[in-house]
Protein backbone atom coordinates (compact mmCIF):
# COMPACT_ATOMS: atom_id res chain seq x y z
CA MET A 1 0.01 0.00 0.01
CA PRO A 2 1.49 3.41 -0.92
CA PHE A 3 2.19 6.04 1.72
CA ALA A 4 -0.42 8.80 2.09
CA ASP A 5 -0.22 11.99 4.15
CA ILE A 6 -2.43 11.78 7.23
CA GLY A 7 -1.53 14.81 9.35
CA GLU A 8 0.80 17.68 10.02
CA ILE A 9 2.17 19.70 12.92
CA ARG A 10 3.23 23.33 12.68
CA CYS A 11 6.18 23.81 14.99
CA ARG A 12 9.84 24.68 15.04
CA PRO A 13 11.39 21.38 13.92
CA HIS A 14 14.60 22.00 15.90
CA GLU A 15 12.50 22.00 19.09
CA ALA A 16 10.66 18.77 18.26
CA ARG A 17 11.49 15.29 19.44
CA VAL A 18 10.46 12.13 17.57
CA PHE A 19 9.95 8.65 19.08
CA GLU A 20 10.47 5.82 16.59
CA HIS A 21 9.29 2.36 17.57
CA GLY A 22 11.05 -0.46 15.74
CA TRP A 23 9.38 -3.41 14.02
CA GLN A 24 10.81 -6.29 16.04
CA SER A 25 12.85 -7.12 19.14
CA TRP A 26 16.20 -6.10 17.67
CA SER A 27 15.02 -3.00 15.80
CA PRO A 28 16.35 0.21 17.35
CA THR A 29 13.77 2.20 19.28
CA GLY A 30 14.24 5.60 20.84
CA ARG A 31 13.59 9.33 21.08
CA TYR A 32 15.55 11.66 18.77
CA ARG A 33 16.09 15.33 18.05
CA TRP A 34 15.01 16.43 14.61
CA ASN A 35 18.64 16.91 13.53
CA ASP A 36 19.78 13.54 14.90
CA ALA A 37 20.65 10.70 12.54
CA PRO A 38 18.51 7.82 13.84
CA PRO A 39 19.85 4.24 13.58
CA ARG A 40 19.57 2.59 10.19
CA PRO A 41 20.69 -0.85 8.94
CA ALA A 42 24.35 -1.24 8.05
CA ASP A 43 23.61 -3.47 5.06
CA GLY A 44 20.90 -5.35 3.23
CA THR A 45 21.22 -8.51 5.29
CA ILE A 46 20.75 -6.61 8.53
CA GLN A 47 17.70 -4.90 6.99
CA ILE A 48 16.11 -8.35 6.76
CA LEU A 49 17.40 -9.70 10.08
CA ALA A 50 16.65 -6.74 12.33
CA TYR A 51 14.45 -4.14 10.61
CA ARG A 52 11.22 -4.26 8.60
CA PRO A 53 12.46 -5.51 5.25
CA GLU A 54 9.69 -4.18 3.01
CA THR A 55 9.83 -0.56 4.23
CA PRO A 56 13.39 0.86 4.23
CA VAL A 57 13.42 4.45 5.45
CA PRO A 58 14.11 7.31 2.99
CA ALA A 59 16.81 9.81 3.90
CA GLY A 60 15.64 12.75 5.97
CA THR A 61 12.67 10.84 7.36
CA PHE A 62 11.77 9.29 10.69
CA GLN A 63 9.74 6.07 10.69
CA GLY A 64 7.98 4.01 13.34
CA GLU A 65 6.42 0.59 12.87
CA GLY A 66 2.94 0.75 14.30
CA LEU A 67 3.88 3.69 16.51
CA LEU A 68 5.41 7.09 15.98
CA ALA A 69 5.17 9.93 18.47
CA ILE A 70 6.14 13.59 18.18
CA GLU A 71 6.74 16.10 20.95
CA PRO A 72 6.32 19.49 19.20
CA GLY A 73 7.88 21.36 22.09
CA ASP A 74 4.67 22.87 23.52
CA GLY A 75 4.12 20.32 26.29
CA SER A 76 1.92 18.00 24.20
CA VAL A 77 2.48 14.64 22.56
CA GLU A 78 1.12 13.77 19.11
CA LEU A 79 0.95 9.98 18.67
CA TRP A 80 0.05 8.00 15.56
CA SER A 81 -0.38 4.27 15.92
CA ALA A 82 -1.76 1.04 14.52
CA PRO A 83 -5.49 0.50 15.06
CA ASP A 84 -4.83 -2.99 16.43
CA PRO A 85 -1.98 -5.51 16.76
CA CYS A 86 -2.98 -7.29 13.57
CA THR A 87 -2.67 -4.22 11.31
CA VAL A 88 0.76 -2.58 11.63
CA PRO A 89 1.42 0.31 9.24
CA SER A 90 4.76 2.03 8.81
CA ILE A 91 4.37 5.67 9.88
CA ARG A 92 6.72 8.43 8.68
CA VAL A 93 7.33 12.09 9.40
CA ARG A 94 9.23 14.56 7.19
CA GLU A 95 9.79 18.30 7.22
CA GLU A 96 8.22 20.57 4.63
CA GLN A 97 8.62 24.35 4.93
CA GLY A 98 8.56 24.41 8.71
CA ARG A 99 5.82 21.78 9.02
CA LEU A 100 6.18 18.18 10.15
CA VAL A 101 4.12 16.08 7.73
CA VAL A 102 3.05 12.60 8.85
CA SER A 103 2.29 9.78 6.36
CA ALA A 104 1.48 6.08 6.61
CA ASP A 105 1.00 3.04 4.41
CA GLY A 106 -2.09 1.81 6.25
CA PRO A 107 -4.81 2.83 8.67
CA VAL A 108 -3.73 4.68 11.83
CA ARG A 109 -5.20 6.24 14.91
CA HIS A 110 -4.15 9.70 16.09
CA HIS A 111 -3.94 10.61 19.77
CA ARG A 112 -3.02 14.02 21.21
CA THR A 113 -2.25 14.27 24.91
CA GLU A 114 -0.85 16.85 27.30
CA GLY A 115 2.10 15.85 29.41
CA ASP A 116 5.26 13.84 29.02
CA LEU A 117 6.09 11.18 26.43
CA GLY A 118 6.49 8.42 29.01
CA ARG A 119 2.91 8.75 30.23
CA ALA A 120 1.56 8.91 26.67
CA LEU A 121 3.41 5.69 25.74
CA ARG A 122 2.27 3.86 28.85
CA ASP A 123 -1.36 4.86 28.35
CA TRP A 124 -1.24 3.90 24.68
CA ALA A 125 0.35 0.52 25.33
CA GLY A 126 -2.24 -0.39 27.96
CA ALA A 127 -5.16 0.64 25.77
CA LEU A 128 -3.91 -1.20 22.67
CA ALA A 129 -3.25 -4.46 24.46
CA ALA A 130 -6.39 -4.59 26.62
CA PRO A 131 -8.69 -6.33 24.10
CA MET A 132 -6.03 -8.84 23.03
CA ILE A 133 -4.69 -9.70 26.47
CA GLY A 134 -8.18 -10.10 27.84
CA SER A 135 -9.45 -12.30 25.02
CA VAL A 136 -6.38 -14.45 24.44
CA ILE A 137 -4.69 -14.83 27.81
CA GLY A 138 -7.76 -14.27 29.97
CA SER A 139 -6.30 -11.81 32.44
CA ARG A 140 -4.49 -8.49 32.47
CA ALA A 141 -2.32 -9.75 35.34
CA PHE A 142 1.18 -11.01 34.61
CA ALA A 143 2.57 -13.55 37.06
CA PRO A 144 6.17 -13.06 38.16
CA VAL A 145 8.69 -15.13 36.22
CA PRO A 146 11.50 -16.67 38.27
CA PRO A 147 15.14 -16.09 37.20
CA MET A 148 16.91 -18.43 34.79
CA TRP A 149 20.34 -19.52 33.58
CA CYS A 150 21.01 -19.66 29.84
CA THR A 151 23.76 -21.43 27.88
CA TRP A 152 24.18 -18.97 25.04
CA TYR A 153 26.61 -16.23 26.12
CA GLY A 154 28.94 -18.65 27.84
CA TYR A 155 29.03 -21.55 25.43
CA TRP A 156 27.53 -20.26 22.17
CA GLY A 157 26.85 -22.99 19.57
CA LYS A 158 29.30 -25.47 21.10
CA VAL A 159 27.31 -26.15 24.30
CA THR A 160 27.17 -29.71 25.65
CA ASP A 161 24.86 -31.54 28.00
CA ALA A 162 27.75 -31.58 30.52
CA ASP A 163 27.90 -27.76 30.46
CA VAL A 164 24.22 -27.58 31.43
CA ILE A 165 24.64 -30.08 34.25
CA ASP A 166 27.83 -28.47 35.56
CA ASN A 167 26.20 -25.03 35.77
CA LEU A 168 23.07 -26.53 37.32
CA GLU A 169 25.27 -27.88 40.11
CA LEU A 170 27.22 -24.60 40.47
CA SER A 171 24.02 -22.55 40.61
CA GLU A 172 22.77 -24.70 43.46
CA ARG A 173 26.14 -24.60 45.26
CA HIS A 174 26.43 -20.79 45.05
CA GLY A 175 22.75 -20.07 45.70
CA LEU A 176 22.20 -18.14 42.46
CA GLY A 177 18.50 -18.83 42.55
CA ALA A 178 18.12 -19.95 38.91
CA ASP A 179 14.74 -21.70 38.65
CA MET A 180 14.86 -22.45 34.88
CA PHE A 181 17.75 -23.68 32.76
CA LEU A 182 17.49 -22.67 29.10
CA ILE A 183 19.37 -24.75 26.53
CA ASP A 184 20.02 -22.30 23.74
CA ASP A 185 21.29 -22.75 20.17
CA GLY A 186 23.77 -25.58 19.70
CA TYR A 187 21.89 -28.72 20.71
CA GLU A 188 20.24 -29.23 17.29
CA SER A 189 21.75 -30.77 14.18
CA GLU A 190 20.59 -28.02 11.81
CA ILE A 191 18.35 -24.98 11.76
CA GLY A 192 14.90 -26.47 11.20
CA ASP A 193 15.74 -30.00 12.37
CA TRP A 194 14.90 -29.38 16.00
CA LEU A 195 14.34 -32.98 17.09
CA GLU A 196 17.64 -34.20 15.63
CA GLY A 197 20.55 -33.63 18.01
CA ARG A 198 24.04 -32.35 17.21
CA PRO A 199 26.37 -35.24 18.01
CA GLY A 200 28.78 -33.00 19.89
CA PHE A 201 26.07 -31.85 22.29
CA GLY A 202 25.38 -35.16 23.88
CA SER A 203 21.92 -36.05 25.12
CA LEU A 204 19.15 -33.50 25.38
CA GLU A 205 17.09 -35.95 27.46
CA ARG A 206 20.00 -36.33 29.91
CA ALA A 207 20.29 -32.56 30.37
CA VAL A 208 16.54 -32.04 30.79
CA ASP A 209 16.23 -34.96 33.23
CA ALA A 210 19.06 -33.50 35.34
CA VAL A 211 17.38 -30.10 35.48
CA ARG A 212 13.99 -31.50 36.37
CA GLY A 213 15.54 -33.97 38.84
CA ALA A 214 16.97 -30.97 40.72
CA GLY A 215 13.47 -29.51 41.00
CA ARG A 216 14.11 -26.85 38.34
CA ARG A 217 12.31 -26.06 35.10
CA ALA A 218 13.78 -26.81 31.69
CA GLY A 219 13.73 -24.49 28.70
CA ILE A 220 14.81 -24.78 25.08
CA TRP A 221 15.64 -22.51 22.17
CA THR A 222 14.33 -22.82 18.63
CA ALA A 223 13.99 -20.58 15.59
CA PRO A 224 10.70 -22.26 14.64
CA PHE A 225 9.93 -20.41 11.39
CA LEU A 226 13.45 -20.73 9.90
CA VAL A 227 14.58 -23.57 7.66
CA GLY A 228 18.28 -23.65 6.91
CA HIS A 229 19.35 -24.75 3.45
CA ARG A 230 21.49 -27.53 4.98
CA SER A 231 18.58 -28.99 6.92
CA ARG A 232 16.76 -32.21 6.20
CA ILE A 233 13.46 -30.30 6.18
CA PHE A 234 14.77 -28.09 3.34
CA ARG A 235 15.87 -31.08 1.29
CA GLU A 236 12.87 -33.34 1.83
CA HIS A 237 9.94 -30.90 2.10
CA PRO A 238 10.33 -28.00 -0.31
CA ASP A 239 6.53 -27.78 -0.44
CA TRP A 240 6.57 -26.75 3.23
CA LEU A 241 8.43 -23.51 2.44
CA ALA A 242 6.94 -20.07 1.77
CA GLY A 243 7.73 -19.34 -1.88
CA GLY A 244 10.00 -16.41 -2.49
CA ALA A 245 10.49 -15.67 1.22
CA TYR A 246 14.13 -15.06 2.06
CA ALA A 247 14.99 -14.77 5.77
CA GLY A 248 18.60 -13.73 5.33
CA ARG A 249 21.84 -15.56 5.95
CA MET A 250 23.08 -16.87 9.29
CA TRP A 251 24.94 -19.98 10.43
CA ASP A 252 26.88 -19.80 7.13
CA GLN A 253 23.77 -20.67 5.11
CA ASP A 254 20.75 -19.05 3.46
CA LEU A 255 17.50 -19.27 5.37
CA ALA A 256 14.04 -20.17 4.07
CA VAL A 257 10.68 -19.73 5.84
CA LEU A 258 8.36 -22.46 7.06
CA ASP A 259 4.87 -22.08 5.60
CA VAL A 260 2.68 -22.65 8.65
CA THR A 261 -0.45 -22.54 6.48
CA HIS A 262 0.59 -25.79 4.79
CA PRO A 263 -1.28 -28.57 6.63
CA GLU A 264 1.71 -30.92 6.86
CA ALA A 265 4.12 -28.16 7.91
CA ALA A 266 1.63 -27.02 10.55
CA GLU A 267 1.32 -30.59 11.83
CA HIS A 268 5.12 -30.85 11.96
CA LEU A 269 5.40 -27.61 13.95
CA VAL A 270 2.83 -28.79 16.52
CA HIS A 271 4.63 -32.14 16.74
CA VAL A 272 7.98 -30.52 17.48
CA PHE A 273 6.67 -28.60 20.46
CA ARG A 274 4.46 -31.44 21.68
CA THR A 275 7.56 -33.67 21.68
CA PHE A 276 9.59 -31.15 23.69
CA ALA A 277 6.70 -30.74 26.15
CA ALA A 278 6.51 -34.52 26.62
CA MET A 279 10.21 -34.44 27.59
CA GLY A 280 9.35 -32.11 30.46
CA ILE A 281 10.32 -28.82 28.81
CA GLY A 282 8.01 -25.95 29.74
CA HIS A 283 9.83 -22.76 28.62
CA PHE A 284 10.23 -22.13 24.90
CA LYS A 285 12.50 -19.34 23.61
CA LEU A 286 11.26 -18.65 20.08
CA ASP A 287 14.02 -16.82 18.22
CA PHE A 288 14.33 -15.22 14.80
CA VAL A 289 10.55 -15.31 14.51
CA TYR A 290 10.48 -12.20 12.34
CA ALA A 291 10.71 -14.86 9.59
CA GLY A 292 7.10 -15.87 10.18
CA ALA A 293 5.91 -12.43 9.12
CA LEU A 294 7.94 -12.18 5.89
CA ALA A 295 6.06 -11.83 2.63
CA GLY A 296 5.90 -14.96 0.47
CA ARG A 297 3.65 -17.37 -1.38
CA ARG A 298 1.84 -19.56 1.14
CA HIS A 299 -0.47 -22.53 0.85
CA GLU A 300 -3.28 -20.32 2.11
CA ASP A 301 -3.68 -16.78 0.86
CA ILE A 302 -3.37 -14.88 4.11
CA ASP A 303 -1.32 -11.78 4.90
CA PRO A 304 2.10 -12.17 6.59
CA ILE A 305 0.99 -10.93 10.00
CA ALA A 306 -1.91 -13.40 10.03
CA ALA A 307 0.51 -16.18 9.09
CA TYR A 308 2.84 -15.12 11.91
CA ARG A 309 0.10 -15.15 14.49
CA LEU A 310 -1.16 -18.56 13.19
CA GLY A 311 2.38 -19.89 13.69
CA LEU A 312 2.45 -18.79 17.33
CA GLU A 313 -0.98 -20.34 17.88
CA LEU A 314 0.28 -23.66 16.48
CA ILE A 315 3.30 -23.54 18.80
CA ARG A 316 1.00 -22.93 21.76
CA ARG A 317 -1.10 -25.90 20.69
CA GLY A 318 1.94 -28.16 20.81
CA ALA A 319 3.61 -26.67 23.87
CA GLY A 320 0.44 -26.67 25.94
CA PRO A 321 -1.55 -23.93 27.70
CA GLY A 322 0.73 -23.89 30.74
CA ALA A 323 3.97 -23.43 28.77
CA THR A 324 5.90 -20.16 28.72
CA LEU A 325 6.36 -18.76 25.24
CA HIS A 326 9.31 -16.39 25.03
CA GLY A 327 9.60 -14.29 21.86
CA CYS A 328 12.89 -12.96 20.43
CA GLY A 329 13.65 -11.30 17.12
CA ALA A 330 9.88 -11.03 17.09
CA PRO A 331 7.51 -8.49 15.46
CA MET A 332 6.35 -6.53 18.47
CA LEU A 333 2.74 -5.52 17.95
CA PRO A 334 1.69 -8.77 16.18
CA SER A 335 2.91 -10.79 19.20
CA ILE A 336 0.54 -9.16 21.70
CA GLY A 337 -1.56 -11.77 23.48
CA LEU A 338 0.46 -14.69 22.10
CA VAL A 339 3.74 -14.66 24.06
CA ASP A 340 4.34 -14.49 27.78
CA VAL A 341 7.88 -13.06 27.70
CA MET A 342 9.40 -10.86 24.97
CA ARG A 343 12.91 -9.71 24.24
CA VAL A 344 12.70 -5.94 23.87
CA SER A 345 16.21 -5.22 22.72
CA PRO A 346 19.05 -6.49 20.53
CA ASP A 347 21.37 -9.14 21.92
CA ILE A 348 23.80 -8.19 24.64
CA ALA A 349 27.55 -8.81 23.94
CA PRO A 350 30.76 -8.64 25.92
CA ALA A 351 31.62 -5.44 24.00
CA VAL A 352 29.92 -2.05 24.42
CA GLN A 353 29.97 -1.11 20.74
CA PRO A 354 28.50 -3.23 17.93
CA LYS A 355 31.06 -4.47 15.41
CA SER A 356 29.14 -3.05 12.45
CA GLY A 357 28.29 0.28 14.10
CA ASP A 358 24.61 -0.71 13.79
CA ILE A 359 22.95 -0.86 17.23
CA SER A 360 20.48 -3.52 16.07
CA GLN A 361 23.41 -5.91 16.26
CA PRO A 362 24.80 -7.48 19.47
CA SER A 363 26.27 -4.92 21.83
CA GLN A 364 25.75 -3.42 25.26
CA LEU A 365 25.00 -0.04 23.74
CA GLY A 366 22.13 -1.28 21.59
CA ALA A 367 20.71 -3.48 24.33
CA ARG A 368 20.72 -0.64 26.82
CA LEU A 369 19.26 2.04 24.54
CA THR A 370 16.41 0.01 23.03
CA GLY A 371 15.71 -1.92 26.22
CA ALA A 372 15.28 1.29 28.22
CA ALA A 373 13.12 2.85 25.51
CA ARG A 374 10.74 -0.13 25.69
CA GLU A 375 10.48 -0.46 29.44
CA PHE A 376 6.94 0.97 29.17
CA LEU A 377 5.82 -2.36 27.63
CA HIS A 378 6.63 -4.44 30.71
CA ALA A 379 3.56 -5.98 32.39
CA ARG A 380 1.35 -4.28 29.83
CA TRP A 381 1.99 -6.51 26.81
CA TRP A 382 4.11 -9.26 28.41
CA VAL A 383 7.07 -9.71 30.71
CA ASN A 384 9.99 -7.79 29.18
CA ASP A 385 13.27 -9.60 28.56
CA PRO A 386 16.15 -7.08 28.56
CA ASP A 387 18.56 -9.97 27.76
CA CYS A 388 20.95 -11.82 29.98
CA ILE A 389 23.15 -10.91 32.89
CA ILE A 390 26.77 -11.36 31.79
CA LEU A 391 29.30 -10.12 34.34
CA ARG A 392 32.48 -12.20 33.99
CA PRO A 393 35.69 -10.16 34.16
CA GLU A 394 36.26 -9.80 30.40
CA VAL A 395 32.84 -8.14 29.87
CA GLU A 396 33.33 -4.46 29.12
CA ALA A 397 31.54 -1.91 31.32
CA ARG A 398 30.01 -4.73 33.30
CA GLN A 399 28.99 -2.40 36.14
CA GLU A 400 26.92 -0.32 33.72
CA TRP A 401 25.26 -3.42 32.31
CA ALA A 402 24.41 -4.62 35.81
CA ALA A 403 22.88 -1.21 36.57
CA HIS A 404 20.75 -1.40 33.43
CA ILE A 405 19.42 -4.84 34.38
CA GLU A 406 18.71 -3.67 37.92
CA ALA A 407 16.66 -0.73 36.62
CA THR A 408 14.35 -2.94 34.58
CA GLY A 409 11.36 -4.84 35.88
CA GLY A 410 11.80 -7.69 33.45
CA LEU A 411 13.19 -11.19 33.23
CA ARG A 412 16.46 -11.88 35.05
CA GLY A 413 18.71 -14.56 33.58
CA SER A 414 22.41 -15.27 34.02
CA SER A 415 24.39 -16.52 31.01
CA ASP A 416 27.96 -16.64 32.25
CA PRO A 417 29.77 -19.90 32.84
CA ILE A 418 29.34 -19.70 36.59
CA ALA A 419 32.90 -20.91 37.20
CA ALA A 420 34.21 -17.89 35.24
CA LEU A 421 32.71 -15.35 37.65
CA ASP A 422 34.96 -13.50 40.08
CA THR A 423 33.79 -12.49 43.52
CA TRP A 424 32.10 -9.26 42.34
CA GLY A 425 30.48 -10.99 39.38
CA LEU A 426 29.14 -13.81 41.54
CA GLU A 427 27.81 -11.50 44.24
CA THR A 428 26.21 -9.12 41.75
CA THR A 429 24.64 -11.94 39.72
CA ARG A 430 23.21 -13.42 42.89
CA ARG A 431 21.72 -10.04 43.90
CA LEU A 432 20.14 -9.50 40.46
CA MET A 433 18.61 -12.96 40.18
CA VAL A 434 15.12 -12.14 41.46
CA PRO A 435 11.64 -12.76 39.99
CA THR A 436 10.21 -10.18 37.60
CA ALA A 437 8.20 -7.24 38.81
CA THR A 438 4.48 -7.86 38.53
CA GLU A 439 3.36 -4.27 38.18
CA PRO A 440 4.00 -2.07 35.13
CA SER A 441 6.27 0.94 35.61
């Protein structure tokens, strides 16, 4: 749908501030002066992986995905937003002869309020989610989520079952309070072949049984809508893929998209999560799920956001009503009512600055900036996940990262090899490992 002008504000542009809300978990989000250069993708691959691929932003323009707010400088807030979580237009603002002109490529609602931006965002978030949270989850209340330990930032893709068991024992010995142990990327044979183990990992059943035997909960990572070109699914079931949908390149391979509207692919997706649930796994980190909302030819002629939401519903069917669904790399508004926990920032990293200079990529800077800008979503749409606590000595600016985590109300999860923590790191991790706040900020 082409962009059409929908409103304007007469003001001094240099006095205005613009709030851009990004498309998915890793998309930069923040408040900018009119003369600032807001974050934009470093290359075409990152545009697919971390931004909204179909709507790159023209130069000299600000753009929000489903939400854009302007503070003209007179004490008011002008906010344009999606009418509901299933219809998410891109919303732009540009300057023309001293006016700020707003345009969008779909239907929007306009709100004008007096007061500060924080209050306007909190009120908007609560109002947008109320119908979805009430009808899908059944309650506006969000139960506290206990802290976790995650394999990723300590062991990356070379994790083993022994690493999980060793850190389970160390967590108990040091009283870290981790209630759930999340086995991240590295246990699977290929992206898409989730029930086939990587030989170097060992036994998934052994790791899960150890966690549950210690009275703790078990979690697992998947990228459920991705199909790597090296996978068995890609070779044997090309009819299960969304035609023309390209999800980028990671893991040294191109990535296709699972067509969840295909009956056999849908049955497969439910089976994967039903199998994990039967093993005793109750927490599911769903990563790179932006892929489910990419445009492509599907078995059923439905729009990408509807396909994405169908995919999450199928996962819930397999995982069970009591499972915790944890989104990451996920389209934000379309996930309302369908996930319990949501990553609200790019990945953390041991370094402060991202390697590419693009703050959608792993770094402390990007995680802090976008995570803080989205704190208003916590306990309104879901439990926020600001990403993991990593405090081993080689982590840059680790005191600043600990302070950021402490200021959030969201999920707390350690991801250091516990044996690598020094005295300060161990004491600070222990102090931060508390259940999530239950009330929105």
